[in-house]
Amino acid sequence: MSVTIDITGLPHERITFCPSPLAELGAALHALAEPAHHPRLHAWTTTTTAALKPELADRLHEADFMWNTTRSDILLPSRPRETLAEELDDLDRIDDEKFVGSALEISCNSHYTQGAPSPLVDGRMRRRALDLAAGRGPRQAAFVERMLADPPGTRAWIRRLLEDCEEAFFADTWRRVRIQLAADARHKTELMRRKGLAEAVVDASPAMSLEEDAHGSRIVVDKLVQGRTSAGGAALTFLPTAFGWPHLFALSTPGWPPVVQYPIPARDLGGAASVEAVKLRLEAVAHPMRMRLCRSLARGSSTTSELADAYAITAPEVSRHLAVLKKAGLITTQRRGRYVLHQLDVSVVARLGSDFLESVLR
């Protein structure tokens, strides 16, 4: 499964790598709402949460469905600006129907990739938004009811909330991370100019690739969801984030320019494993005999015959299990004279938990 962004005919000068204060604030708010997703940010989330005034924390809780499980498209601007105020001004120019439809993108919204009418004008979508909000809690349900009844007033409330976050903690955070994000964006832009878009895309995340054939060009984002959108000759925006890992967001809803938010720390993990690779590795270690073989191979290299003797099974049976482990990339082999030695790749196995987390949260 993947999200595909059709960029056929899109000039490279319309493909932009640029940091966004609003997108970074959205990522930071998600980290505060779901700290378990972001163990690397433990010190920041703990310190920031402890310093929040109760009134601001209460308001954040009320509106957290916009950045908790999913991320509302209004928080991923396709035209990044220098300041949060400028990006909020751009949000103010969006009409109520589009703003509310995007803000109420709640988890399990099966209409996201196909597009759907705004709950402000469609009764069925209105009931759906209210039902999904009710599942989040009474505060969230009341907030959605208020947004549907008074869009201008609720939009002003959201803007004040984001401005208060900037004053309380984000202004200082943005000063610290924007230099790093801008440097990464410049690097990707220069890489695209010198070596091409494919190199820049992979450098942003190994979970992304550029596919080109007779039918056109596409950015493919490896995710556990299926989606398709087109830049339509307009623009494609890549937003670096210091708060994002393990998430890789691809805005692909109809009616919005495509935007990808990629985490710059992901490279620290030695590259993101594909969803298929994670699936193969989990299936490989799920078999009890292969787990026992891994125990031996983690302690040192062994031949097929040594493993067969140790576990009282036939050499062909050991070979079949080793083939599964090797296909999953969990073992390495080397020839020493007439013997072939197998050993567990401990670094790959050690990353299996974080690879699984990244694949399901990407």
Protein backbone atom coordinates (compact mmCIF):
# COMPACT_ATOMS: atom_id res chain seq x y z
CA MET A 1 0.00 0.00 0.00
CA SER A 2 1.14 3.55 -0.61
CA VAL A 3 0.16 7.14 -1.27
CA THR A 4 0.93 8.20 -4.86
CA ILE A 5 1.35 11.82 -5.95
CA ASP A 6 1.21 12.32 -9.70
CA ILE A 7 3.69 15.04 -10.71
CA THR A 8 3.60 14.47 -14.48
CA GLY A 9 4.55 17.69 -16.24
CA LEU A 10 5.28 19.55 -13.01
CA PRO A 11 8.39 21.77 -13.42
CA HIS A 12 11.02 21.24 -10.73
CA GLU A 13 10.87 24.93 -9.81
CA ARG A 14 7.33 24.25 -8.52
CA ILE A 15 8.60 21.52 -6.21
CA THR A 16 9.54 23.21 -2.95
CA PHE A 17 11.39 22.13 0.17
CA CYS A 18 10.64 24.69 2.88
CA PRO A 19 9.98 24.75 6.65
CA SER A 20 6.58 25.87 7.93
CA PRO A 21 5.97 27.23 11.44
CA LEU A 22 2.30 26.15 11.36
CA ALA A 23 3.19 22.60 10.27
CA GLU A 24 5.88 22.40 12.96
CA LEU A 25 3.44 23.65 15.58
CA GLY A 26 1.00 20.93 14.48
CA ALA A 27 3.75 18.32 14.85
CA ALA A 28 4.68 19.68 18.28
CA LEU A 29 1.05 19.61 19.43
CA HIS A 30 0.76 16.00 18.30
CA ALA A 31 3.89 15.11 20.28
CA LEU A 32 2.35 16.71 23.38
CA ALA A 33 -0.92 14.81 22.83
CA GLU A 34 0.77 11.46 22.07
CA PRO A 35 4.16 11.44 23.84
CA ALA A 36 4.38 7.65 23.59
CA HIS A 37 4.73 8.03 19.81
CA HIS A 38 7.80 10.20 20.30
CA PRO A 39 10.22 8.72 22.84
CA ARG A 40 13.05 10.86 21.46
CA LEU A 41 11.15 13.97 22.54
CA HIS A 42 10.52 12.79 26.09
CA ALA A 43 12.48 15.61 27.72
CA TRP A 44 10.76 18.30 25.63
CA THR A 45 7.22 16.93 26.00
CA THR A 46 7.63 16.45 29.75
CA THR A 47 9.06 19.93 30.33
CA THR A 48 6.57 21.67 28.05
CA THR A 49 3.55 19.85 29.47
CA ALA A 50 4.59 20.68 33.03
CA ALA A 51 4.90 24.37 32.16
CA LEU A 52 1.51 24.69 30.43
CA LYS A 53 -1.04 26.79 32.25
CA PRO A 54 -4.11 24.70 33.14
CA GLU A 55 -6.40 26.90 31.06
CA LEU A 56 -4.28 26.46 27.91
CA ALA A 57 -3.89 22.72 28.53
CA ASP A 58 -7.66 22.44 28.85
CA ARG A 59 -8.24 24.23 25.54
CA LEU A 60 -5.65 22.04 23.80
CA HIS A 61 -7.45 18.95 25.06
CA GLU A 62 -10.73 20.27 23.72
CA ALA A 63 -9.42 20.63 20.15
CA ASP A 64 -6.84 17.85 20.10
CA PHE A 65 -8.64 15.72 17.49
CA MET A 66 -7.14 18.11 14.90
CA TRP A 67 -3.62 16.84 15.67
CA ASN A 68 -3.98 13.78 17.89
CA THR A 69 -4.62 10.58 15.93
CA THR A 70 -4.57 12.29 12.56
CA ARG A 71 -3.51 15.73 11.31
CA SER A 72 -5.97 18.20 9.84
CA ASP A 73 -4.98 19.46 6.41
CA ILE A 74 -5.23 23.05 7.62
CA LEU A 75 -2.06 22.37 9.63
CA LEU A 76 -0.03 21.44 6.53
CA PRO A 77 0.19 24.62 4.41
CA SER A 78 1.14 24.29 0.76
CA ARG A 79 2.61 27.82 0.78
CA PRO A 80 4.92 28.04 3.80
CA ARG A 81 5.56 31.51 5.20
CA GLU A 82 8.22 33.02 7.42
CA THR A 83 5.97 33.47 10.43
CA LEU A 84 3.07 31.69 12.08
CA ALA A 85 0.99 34.88 11.85
CA GLU A 86 1.32 34.93 8.06
CA GLU A 87 0.24 31.30 7.78
CA LEU A 88 -2.70 31.92 10.07
CA ASP A 89 -3.65 34.87 7.86
CA ASP A 90 -3.69 32.45 4.89
CA LEU A 91 -5.99 30.15 6.86
CA ASP A 92 -8.34 33.05 7.48
CA ARG A 93 -8.77 33.42 3.71
CA ILE A 94 -10.13 29.87 3.31
CA ASP A 95 -13.92 29.73 3.08
CA ASP A 96 -15.88 28.20 5.94
CA GLU A 97 -16.92 25.05 4.07
CA LYS A 98 -13.36 24.07 3.18
CA PHE A 99 -11.94 25.05 6.57
CA VAL A 100 -14.51 23.10 8.58
CA GLY A 101 -14.33 20.07 6.29
CA SER A 102 -10.56 19.92 6.78
CA ALA A 103 -10.54 20.72 10.49
CA LEU A 104 -13.00 17.90 11.18
CA GLU A 105 -10.92 15.18 9.53
CA ILE A 106 -11.29 12.75 12.39
CA SER A 107 -9.66 9.33 12.57
CA CYS A 108 -11.39 6.57 10.60
CA ASN A 109 -12.74 9.05 8.05
CA SER A 110 -13.04 6.64 5.12
CA HIS A 111 -13.99 9.49 2.78
CA TYR A 112 -10.60 11.22 3.01
CA THR A 113 -9.05 9.89 -0.18
CA GLN A 114 -12.23 10.17 -2.26
CA GLY A 115 -13.24 13.61 -1.04
CA ALA A 116 -16.55 14.45 0.57
CA PRO A 117 -18.83 17.45 0.88
CA SER A 118 -18.39 19.73 3.87
CA PRO A 119 -20.51 18.91 6.93
CA LEU A 120 -21.68 22.52 6.75
CA VAL A 121 -23.70 21.73 3.60
CA ASP A 122 -24.23 17.95 3.72
CA GLY A 123 -26.48 16.47 6.38
CA ARG A 124 -25.00 12.98 6.19
CA MET A 125 -21.44 14.27 6.68
CA ARG A 126 -22.67 16.49 9.49
CA ARG A 127 -24.13 13.50 11.35
CA ARG A 128 -20.97 11.51 10.69
CA ALA A 129 -18.75 14.27 12.09
CA LEU A 130 -20.91 14.51 15.21
CA ASP A 131 -20.91 10.72 15.70
CA LEU A 132 -17.14 10.47 15.35
CA ALA A 133 -16.61 13.41 17.70
CA ALA A 134 -18.90 11.82 20.29
CA GLY A 135 -16.61 8.80 20.26
CA ARG A 136 -13.72 11.05 21.30
CA GLY A 137 -15.47 12.42 24.37
CA PRO A 138 -18.06 15.00 25.49
CA ARG A 139 -15.63 17.94 25.24
CA GLN A 140 -14.72 17.09 21.68
CA ALA A 141 -18.37 16.52 20.75
CA ALA A 142 -19.30 19.93 22.15
CA PHE A 143 -16.45 21.54 20.22
CA VAL A 144 -17.60 20.02 16.92
CA GLU A 145 -21.18 21.10 17.59
CA ARG A 146 -19.94 24.62 18.22
CA MET A 147 -17.87 24.62 15.03
CA LEU A 148 -20.84 23.47 12.94
CA ALA A 149 -23.14 26.05 14.55
CA ASP A 150 -20.72 29.00 14.49
CA PRO A 151 -17.82 28.49 12.05
CA PRO A 152 -16.49 32.10 12.18
CA GLY A 153 -16.48 32.17 15.98
CA THR A 154 -14.82 28.76 16.27
CA ARG A 155 -12.20 29.65 13.65
CA ALA A 156 -11.29 32.73 15.65
CA TRP A 157 -11.09 30.55 18.78
CA ILE A 158 -8.68 28.15 16.99
CA ARG A 159 -6.49 31.02 15.84
CA ARG A 160 -6.28 32.42 19.36
CA LEU A 161 -5.40 28.95 20.65
CA LEU A 162 -2.50 28.59 18.19
CA GLU A 163 -1.31 32.13 18.94
CA ASP A 164 -1.38 31.39 22.67
CA CYS A 165 0.68 28.24 22.03
CA GLU A 166 3.22 30.37 20.20
CA GLU A 167 3.46 32.73 23.15
CA ALA A 168 3.55 29.97 25.77
CA PHE A 169 6.17 27.65 24.26
CA PHE A 170 6.35 27.50 20.49
CA ALA A 171 8.13 30.79 19.75
CA ASP A 172 11.17 29.62 21.69
CA THR A 173 10.94 26.13 20.17
CA TRP A 174 10.67 27.53 16.64
CA ARG A 175 13.75 29.74 17.14
CA ARG A 176 15.73 26.63 18.05
CA VAL A 177 14.55 24.31 15.27
CA ARG A 178 13.94 26.59 12.28
CA ILE A 179 17.65 26.96 11.53
CA GLN A 180 18.00 23.18 11.34
CA LEU A 181 14.86 22.85 9.21
CA ALA A 182 15.93 25.63 6.84
CA ALA A 183 19.36 24.03 6.44
CA ASP A 184 17.75 20.69 5.59
CA ALA A 185 15.41 22.34 3.07
CA ARG A 186 18.35 24.13 1.40
CA HIS A 187 20.25 20.86 1.22
CA LYS A 188 17.31 19.07 -0.44
CA THR A 189 16.83 21.95 -2.89
CA GLU A 190 20.49 21.90 -3.87
CA LEU A 191 20.46 18.11 -4.13
CA MET A 192 17.44 18.30 -6.45
CA ARG A 193 19.25 20.89 -8.60
CA ARG A 194 22.52 18.95 -8.84
CA LYS A 195 21.45 15.29 -8.83
CA GLY A 196 17.75 15.33 -9.61
CA LEU A 197 14.44 14.96 -7.82
CA ALA A 198 14.85 11.21 -7.18
CA GLU A 199 17.96 11.81 -5.04
CA ALA A 200 16.28 14.61 -3.08
CA VAL A 201 13.14 12.54 -2.42
CA VAL A 202 15.05 9.53 -1.09
CA ASP A 203 17.27 11.80 0.99
CA ALA A 204 14.13 13.25 2.59
CA SER A 205 12.93 9.73 3.49
CA PRO A 206 13.89 6.24 2.32
CA ALA A 207 10.15 5.51 2.52
CA MET A 208 9.64 7.73 -0.55
CA SER A 209 10.67 7.19 -4.15
CA LEU A 210 10.26 8.73 -7.58
CA GLU A 211 8.78 6.48 -10.27
CA GLU A 212 8.99 7.47 -13.92
CA ASP A 213 7.70 5.61 -16.97
CA ALA A 214 5.82 6.18 -20.21
CA HIS A 215 2.70 7.09 -18.24
CA GLY A 216 4.33 9.92 -16.29
CA SER A 217 6.09 10.69 -13.01
CA ARG A 218 4.95 9.90 -9.47
CA ILE A 219 6.13 10.31 -5.90
CA VAL A 220 5.33 7.08 -4.04
CA VAL A 221 5.11 7.22 -0.24
CA ASP A 222 5.31 3.82 1.45
CA LYS A 223 2.47 3.74 4.00
CA LEU A 224 -0.15 1.38 5.40
CA VAL A 225 -2.88 3.35 3.64
CA GLN A 226 -3.86 3.69 -0.01
CA GLY A 227 -4.21 7.11 -1.58
CA ARG A 228 -3.73 8.93 -4.84
CA THR A 229 -3.60 12.59 -5.76
CA SER A 230 -2.14 14.84 -8.41
CA ALA A 231 -0.14 18.04 -8.28
CA GLY A 232 -2.15 19.07 -11.33
CA GLY A 233 0.67 21.18 -12.69
CA ALA A 234 0.37 23.52 -9.69
CA ALA A 235 2.87 22.68 -6.94
CA LEU A 236 4.24 20.05 -4.56
CA THR A 237 5.54 21.09 -1.16
CA PHE A 238 7.87 19.16 1.15
CA LEU A 239 7.90 20.32 4.79
CA PRO A 240 10.81 19.18 7.01
CA THR A 241 9.98 18.61 10.68
CA ALA A 242 12.12 18.10 13.76
CA PHE A 243 9.13 16.80 15.75
CA GLY A 244 7.73 14.35 13.21
CA TRP A 245 9.44 10.97 13.51
CA PRO A 246 8.08 8.32 13.08
CA HIS A 247 5.30 9.99 11.07
CA LEU A 248 5.51 10.73 7.37
CA PHE A 249 2.42 12.71 6.33
CA ALA A 250 1.24 12.94 2.74
CA LEU A 251 -1.68 15.31 2.21
CA SER A 252 -3.63 13.69 -0.60
CA THR A 253 -7.23 14.81 -0.20
CA PRO A 254 -8.98 16.13 -3.33
CA GLY A 255 -9.12 19.90 -3.51
CA TRP A 256 -5.83 20.53 -1.69
CA PRO A 257 -2.36 20.87 -3.26
CA PRO A 258 -0.24 17.84 -2.27
CA VAL A 259 2.03 18.33 0.72
CA VAL A 260 4.51 15.92 2.32
CA GLN A 261 5.84 16.45 5.84
CA TYR A 262 8.97 14.39 6.42
CA PRO A 263 10.96 13.96 9.66
CA ILE A 264 14.58 15.03 9.40
CA PRO A 265 15.78 12.83 12.34
CA ALA A 266 14.69 9.65 10.51
CA ARG A 267 18.17 9.30 9.05
CA ASP A 268 19.54 8.65 12.52
CA LEU A 269 17.94 5.19 12.39
CA GLY A 270 19.94 4.10 9.36
CA GLY A 271 17.03 4.30 6.94
CA ALA A 272 13.35 3.49 7.13
CA ALA A 273 12.35 -0.11 6.44
CA SER A 274 9.55 -0.64 3.96
CA VAL A 275 6.19 -1.95 5.11
CA GLU A 276 6.83 -5.17 3.17
CA ALA A 277 10.23 -5.64 4.86
CA VAL A 278 8.70 -5.21 8.32
CA LYS A 279 5.96 -7.72 7.43
CA LEU A 280 8.53 -10.29 6.24
CA ARG A 281 10.64 -9.87 9.38
CA LEU A 282 7.72 -10.23 11.76
CA GLU A 283 6.51 -13.34 9.94
CA ALA A 284 10.05 -14.75 9.96
CA VAL A 285 10.54 -14.48 13.72
CA ALA A 286 6.99 -15.61 14.54
CA HIS A 287 7.85 -19.29 13.93
CA PRO A 288 9.04 -20.99 17.16
CA MET A 289 11.84 -22.94 15.47
CA ARG A 290 13.16 -19.85 13.73
CA MET A 291 13.17 -18.05 17.07
CA ARG A 292 15.28 -20.87 18.50
CA LEU A 293 17.63 -20.71 15.51
CA CYS A 294 17.94 -16.95 16.03
CA ARG A 295 19.01 -17.61 19.60
CA SER A 296 21.97 -19.64 18.38
CA LEU A 297 22.78 -17.30 15.50
CA ALA A 298 22.77 -14.30 17.83
CA ARG A 299 25.53 -15.88 19.93
CA GLY A 300 27.80 -16.67 17.01
CA SER A 301 28.01 -17.97 13.46
CA SER A 302 26.93 -21.55 12.73
CA THR A 303 26.75 -23.89 9.78
CA THR A 304 23.57 -25.59 8.65
CA SER A 305 24.78 -28.96 9.95
CA GLU A 306 25.66 -27.51 13.34
CA LEU A 307 22.18 -26.06 13.70
CA ALA A 308 20.59 -29.32 12.56
CA ASP A 309 22.57 -31.24 15.18
CA ALA A 310 21.81 -28.71 17.93
CA TYR A 311 18.04 -28.85 17.39
CA ALA A 312 17.69 -32.45 16.22
CA ILE A 313 16.12 -31.56 12.86
CA THR A 314 17.23 -32.29 9.32
CA ALA A 315 19.64 -30.08 7.40
CA PRO A 316 17.05 -29.40 4.64
CA GLU A 317 14.60 -28.21 7.30
CA VAL A 318 17.23 -25.86 8.73
CA SER A 319 17.96 -24.59 5.23
CA ARG A 320 14.28 -23.78 4.66
CA HIS A 321 14.12 -21.78 7.89
CA LEU A 322 17.39 -19.99 7.09
CA ALA A 323 16.04 -19.08 3.65
CA VAL A 324 13.06 -17.35 5.27
CA LEU A 325 15.32 -15.46 7.68
CA LYS A 326 17.68 -14.46 4.90
CA LYS A 327 14.85 -13.24 2.65
CA ALA A 328 13.70 -11.06 5.54
CA GLY A 329 17.20 -9.64 5.88
CA LEU A 330 17.69 -10.96 9.40
CA ILE A 331 20.81 -13.06 8.87
CA THR A 332 24.11 -12.70 7.06
CA THR A 333 26.16 -15.48 5.48
CA GLN A 334 29.85 -15.85 4.68
CA ARG A 335 31.85 -18.65 3.16
CA ARG A 336 34.86 -19.97 5.03
CA GLY A 337 36.55 -22.64 2.95
CA ARG A 338 34.02 -25.37 2.26
CA TYR A 339 31.67 -24.16 4.98
CA VAL A 340 28.94 -21.52 4.86
CA LEU A 341 28.46 -19.72 8.17
CA HIS A 342 25.22 -17.98 9.12
CA GLN A 343 24.84 -15.27 11.76
CA LEU A 344 22.02 -13.08 13.02
CA ASP A 345 22.25 -9.42 11.94
CA VAL A 346 21.78 -8.03 15.43
CA SER A 347 21.54 -4.40 14.23
CA VAL A 348 18.55 -5.23 11.99
CA VAL A 349 16.81 -7.20 14.73
CA ALA A 350 17.43 -4.41 17.24
CA ARG A 351 15.63 -1.99 14.91
CA LEU A 352 12.65 -4.28 14.37
CA GLY A 353 10.57 -2.67 17.13
CA SER A 354 11.21 0.88 15.92
CA ASP A 355 10.73 -0.20 12.29
CA PHE A 356 7.34 -1.69 13.20
CA LEU A 357 6.38 1.45 15.11
CA GLU A 358 7.42 3.63 12.18
CA SER A 359 5.54 1.53 9.62
CA VAL A 360 2.23 1.65 11.52
CA LEU A 361 2.56 5.34 12.46
CA ARG A 362 4.12 6.57 9.24
